[in-house]
Structures are given as C-alpha cells and as structure tokens.
Amino acid sequence: MTYSQPLPAAKFRKSSIAVAITAAFAAFAMLGLGTAERAEACASSSSGGLNLSGGKCKKVKKARLVNGKAIAPASAPARVKKVISWANRIRNKPYIYGGGHASFKAAGYDCSGAVSYALRGGRFVSSPMASGGYMNWKNRGKGRWITVYSNPGHMYLVVAGLRFDTSMTPGNGPGWSKSMRSTPGSFSARHPGRF
C-alpha cells in the first residue's frame, strides 16, 4: 500500500513565495497605471475579472427605468446623474436626421446629436459630434458608468446599465432601453476615463 507523501517544506515555501511575488508585482503594476487604465481595470474587474485595485472598485448599480424615464442610482457620480438627466430631457423628441449637430438644442435629434446632448449634461463634450467622431473619443473600451458605442453610421450610449439610443427603443426618437444591442465588432466602444 502506498501513501501520498507530504510536500517537502522547501517546495511549499518556494511556491508560496512565487505566488506572493506575482501578486505583489501585479499590485505594483496597477499602482503605475494612470487614471484611465485604473478605470478600465475597475470596469473589467466588475464583470468578473481579477480586481487589483486595492478594493477601490465598487460594483456599479444600475439605473432604473420608470415609464420610459431613467432614474440614476444614488451611488452614481454627479456627472453621470447629469448625463441621465439631460438624456431624459430629450427622450420624447422626434428623430430628425442631423438634429442636434448645429446646436445642442434642437427640435429633434439623430443618434449622435442625442448622445452629444446627453454627454454635454455631464460636461464630457463641449460641442456636438457626428458618430464617426466618437470612434476615437476619449479612452478605448467599456467604461465603469458610461460607454459610447459608435461606427460611421450609428451610435448609442450606455449609462449605468441602460441604453440610450434612437433605434430599437420606444417612440420615434431618442429613448431608453434595458436591453442591449448586439455589437460584435461593428461598433467602437469608448469611455470618458474614470466614468
């Protein structure tokens, strides 16, 4: 009869030291990241990844949708609440191609005009942009609170888990939806740094 042999103490210490060094290196690397990179790491860690930020990432609470109007979570930063508030102002406006491009205030909005208007509320843009302009806007990837999805022909915004879009939403213009769009490789995802 054979018995399993205990792991020699020297091998156990070496493997424990290797794990500790790897963890320390990862934590040190995280400290060297800029704000945008830390935000991206927080965003990825909130979706099931390894969180190396020292516990500073909190799970983002989702906004609620009540009668077509988005309600920001209490834990949302003030600028995120402003984006939601400004998007709510135009959620029942009609779709007008080119609407919201000459000025933030318009009789109706197209996709990029609506997203520009909402982002202006949080002071993330200073003037309206077309959807193609958002393909290289700010930081690459998904944000913690805000993600802009764009391609040359269409764009939309996801804020606190709700989609603000001019298509596949109720009505004939900008509106909110709990359902996300399928965006396999056709949209560029961008976010405004720590948000």
Protein backbone atom coordinates (compact mmCIF):
# COMPACT_ATOMS: atom_id res chain seq x y z
CA MET A 1 0.00 0.00 0.00
CA THR A 2 1.41 3.42 -0.93
CA TYR A 3 0.79 6.56 0.97
CA SER A 4 0.94 10.02 -0.54
CA GLN A 5 3.98 11.86 0.65
CA PRO A 6 3.57 15.33 2.12
CA LEU A 7 5.02 18.15 0.06
CA PRO A 8 8.51 18.96 1.33
CA ALA A 9 8.58 22.23 3.28
CA ALA A 10 11.16 23.76 0.93
CA LYS A 11 8.93 23.23 -2.15
CA PHE A 12 5.90 24.61 -0.29
CA ARG A 13 7.82 27.76 0.71
CA LYS A 14 9.09 28.28 -2.85
CA SER A 15 5.60 28.01 -4.35
CA SER A 16 4.16 30.35 -1.68
CA ILE A 17 6.90 32.87 -2.34
CA ALA A 18 6.29 32.68 -6.10
CA VAL A 19 2.58 33.38 -5.60
CA ALA A 20 3.33 36.29 -3.26
CA ILE A 21 5.84 37.81 -5.69
CA THR A 22 3.38 37.50 -8.58
CA ALA A 23 0.62 39.18 -6.56
CA ALA A 24 2.96 41.95 -5.39
CA PHE A 25 4.15 42.56 -8.96
CA ALA A 26 0.56 42.78 -10.22
CA ALA A 27 -0.39 45.21 -7.44
CA PHE A 28 2.71 47.31 -8.12
CA ALA A 29 1.91 47.38 -11.85
CA MET A 30 -1.63 48.55 -11.02
CA LEU A 31 -0.26 51.46 -8.98
CA GLY A 32 1.72 52.59 -12.00
CA LEU A 33 -1.36 52.83 -14.19
CA GLY A 34 -2.91 56.18 -14.98
CA THR A 35 -6.48 57.10 -14.11
CA ALA A 36 -7.86 55.81 -17.41
CA GLU A 37 -6.09 52.48 -17.08
CA ARG A 38 -7.24 52.05 -13.46
CA ALA A 39 -10.81 52.83 -14.53
CA GLU A 40 -10.55 50.25 -17.31
CA ALA A 41 -9.19 47.70 -14.82
CA CYS A 42 -12.11 48.52 -12.50
CA ALA A 43 -14.54 48.11 -15.38
CA SER A 44 -13.11 44.72 -16.29
CA SER A 45 -12.97 43.59 -12.67
CA SER A 46 -16.63 44.47 -12.16
CA SER A 47 -17.50 42.00 -14.91
CA GLY A 48 -15.79 39.04 -13.25
CA GLY A 49 -12.10 39.77 -13.80
CA LEU A 50 -9.35 39.91 -11.19
CA ASN A 51 -9.53 43.14 -9.20
CA LEU A 52 -6.07 44.50 -8.43
CA SER A 53 -7.11 47.99 -7.42
CA GLY A 54 -6.90 47.56 -3.68
CA GLY A 55 -10.67 47.41 -3.15
CA LYS A 56 -11.37 50.84 -4.65
CA CYS A 57 -13.66 49.42 -7.34
CA LYS A 58 -17.24 49.13 -6.26
CA LYS A 59 -19.86 47.33 -8.26
CA VAL A 60 -21.82 49.84 -10.30
CA LYS A 61 -25.52 49.90 -9.50
CA LYS A 62 -27.83 50.01 -12.48
CA ALA A 63 -30.20 52.84 -13.25
CA ARG A 64 -33.92 52.08 -13.19
CA LEU A 65 -36.37 52.66 -15.99
CA VAL A 66 -39.75 54.05 -14.86
CA ASN A 67 -42.33 54.91 -17.54
CA GLY A 68 -39.57 55.46 -20.10
CA LYS A 69 -37.56 57.75 -17.84
CA ALA A 70 -34.16 56.68 -16.46
CA ILE A 71 -33.63 57.08 -12.72
CA ALA A 72 -29.96 57.28 -11.74
CA PRO A 73 -28.76 55.17 -8.83
CA ALA A 74 -27.99 57.18 -5.69
CA SER A 75 -24.40 55.92 -5.81
CA ALA A 76 -23.77 57.38 -9.29
CA PRO A 77 -21.29 60.26 -9.57
CA ALA A 78 -22.88 63.70 -10.08
CA ARG A 79 -21.66 63.92 -13.69
CA VAL A 80 -23.26 60.56 -14.52
CA LYS A 81 -26.53 61.72 -12.96
CA LYS A 82 -26.36 64.84 -15.17
CA VAL A 83 -25.91 62.71 -18.32
CA ILE A 84 -29.02 60.74 -17.37
CA SER A 85 -30.96 63.91 -16.53
CA TRP A 86 -30.07 65.59 -19.82
CA ALA A 87 -30.91 62.44 -21.82
CA ASN A 88 -34.30 62.36 -20.07
CA ARG A 89 -34.98 65.92 -21.31
CA ILE A 90 -34.94 64.82 -24.96
CA ARG A 91 -36.22 61.25 -24.69
CA ASN A 92 -39.54 62.07 -26.34
CA LYS A 93 -38.20 64.36 -29.08
CA PRO A 94 -38.64 63.14 -32.66
CA TYR A 95 -35.85 61.65 -34.75
CA ILE A 96 -34.53 64.24 -37.20
CA TYR A 97 -31.52 63.37 -39.35
CA GLY A 98 -28.78 65.86 -38.47
CA GLY A 99 -30.73 67.05 -35.43
CA GLY A 100 -28.54 68.30 -32.61
CA HIS A 101 -25.48 68.83 -34.81
CA ALA A 102 -25.59 72.59 -35.34
CA SER A 103 -26.52 73.23 -31.72
CA PHE A 104 -27.21 71.14 -28.63
CA LYS A 105 -30.77 72.49 -28.60
CA ALA A 106 -32.87 71.22 -31.49
CA ALA A 107 -36.45 70.33 -32.40
CA GLY A 108 -35.36 66.69 -32.77
CA TYR A 109 -32.22 64.57 -32.68
CA ASP A 110 -30.42 61.88 -34.61
CA CYS A 111 -28.27 59.29 -32.85
CA SER A 112 -25.09 61.35 -32.46
CA GLY A 113 -26.99 64.54 -31.71
CA ALA A 114 -28.84 62.78 -28.89
CA VAL A 115 -25.67 61.22 -27.44
CA SER A 116 -23.82 64.55 -27.71
CA TYR A 117 -26.65 66.32 -25.88
CA ALA A 118 -26.65 63.75 -23.05
CA LEU A 119 -22.85 63.84 -22.70
CA ARG A 120 -22.93 67.65 -22.64
CA GLY A 121 -25.04 67.40 -19.49
CA GLY A 122 -22.13 65.72 -17.71
CA ARG A 123 -19.58 68.13 -19.27
CA PHE A 124 -17.97 65.33 -21.29
CA VAL A 125 -18.19 67.19 -24.64
CA SER A 126 -18.16 70.87 -25.49
CA SER A 127 -19.77 70.63 -28.93
CA PRO A 128 -21.86 68.08 -30.85
CA MET A 129 -20.01 65.42 -32.87
CA ALA A 130 -21.05 63.01 -35.62
CA SER A 131 -20.95 59.28 -34.86
CA GLY A 132 -17.65 58.76 -36.69
CA GLY A 133 -16.00 61.35 -34.43
CA TYR A 134 -16.85 59.27 -31.38
CA MET A 135 -14.94 56.26 -32.72
CA ASN A 136 -11.70 57.80 -31.35
CA TRP A 137 -13.22 59.79 -28.48
CA LYS A 138 -11.52 59.64 -25.07
CA ASN A 139 -10.49 56.11 -23.93
CA ARG A 140 -10.83 52.74 -25.64
CA GLY A 141 -13.07 50.05 -24.14
CA LYS A 142 -16.04 49.94 -21.79
CA GLY A 143 -16.36 52.48 -19.02
CA ARG A 144 -17.39 51.90 -15.46
CA TRP A 145 -20.54 54.06 -15.74
CA ILE A 146 -20.60 55.34 -19.32
CA THR A 147 -19.78 53.65 -22.63
CA VAL A 148 -20.29 55.17 -26.07
CA TYR A 149 -20.69 52.68 -28.95
CA SER A 150 -20.14 54.14 -32.42
CA ASN A 151 -19.41 53.39 -36.04
CA PRO A 152 -19.59 55.68 -39.10
CA GLY A 153 -23.34 55.16 -39.49
CA HIS A 154 -24.80 54.86 -35.99
CA MET A 155 -24.05 55.28 -32.30
CA TYR A 156 -25.64 54.94 -28.89
CA LEU A 157 -24.80 55.37 -25.24
CA VAL A 158 -24.94 53.01 -22.25
CA VAL A 159 -25.17 54.77 -18.88
CA ALA A 160 -25.43 52.89 -15.58
CA GLY A 161 -26.64 49.78 -17.39
CA LEU A 162 -29.34 51.42 -19.57
CA ARG A 163 -29.05 52.03 -23.32
CA PHE A 164 -29.88 55.49 -24.69
CA ASP A 165 -30.46 55.17 -28.43
CA THR A 166 -32.57 56.40 -31.35
CA SER A 167 -33.34 52.92 -32.65
CA MET A 168 -34.78 49.81 -31.05
CA THR A 169 -36.33 51.97 -28.32
CA PRO A 170 -39.94 53.10 -27.79
CA GLY A 171 -41.07 56.05 -29.91
CA ASN A 172 -39.66 57.79 -32.95
CA GLY A 173 -36.51 59.32 -31.48
CA PRO A 174 -34.15 59.13 -28.52
CA GLY A 175 -35.17 56.80 -25.73
CA TRP A 176 -34.03 54.40 -23.05
CA SER A 177 -33.99 50.61 -23.07
CA LYS A 178 -32.99 47.89 -20.61
CA SER A 179 -31.98 45.62 -23.49
CA MET A 180 -28.54 45.94 -25.01
CA ARG A 181 -27.78 45.78 -28.72
CA SER A 182 -25.65 43.12 -30.30
CA THR A 183 -22.39 44.87 -31.26
CA PRO A 184 -20.00 42.13 -32.43
CA GLY A 185 -17.03 44.03 -33.84
CA SER A 186 -19.12 46.59 -35.70
CA PHE A 187 -19.02 49.32 -33.03
CA SER A 188 -16.12 51.07 -31.33
CA ALA A 189 -16.54 51.17 -27.53
CA ARG A 190 -15.19 54.31 -25.83
CA HIS A 191 -15.48 55.81 -22.36
CA PRO A 192 -14.62 59.06 -20.53
CA GLY A 193 -11.87 57.89 -18.17
CA ARG A 194 -12.86 57.06 -14.60
CA PHE A 195 -16.53 57.10 -15.55
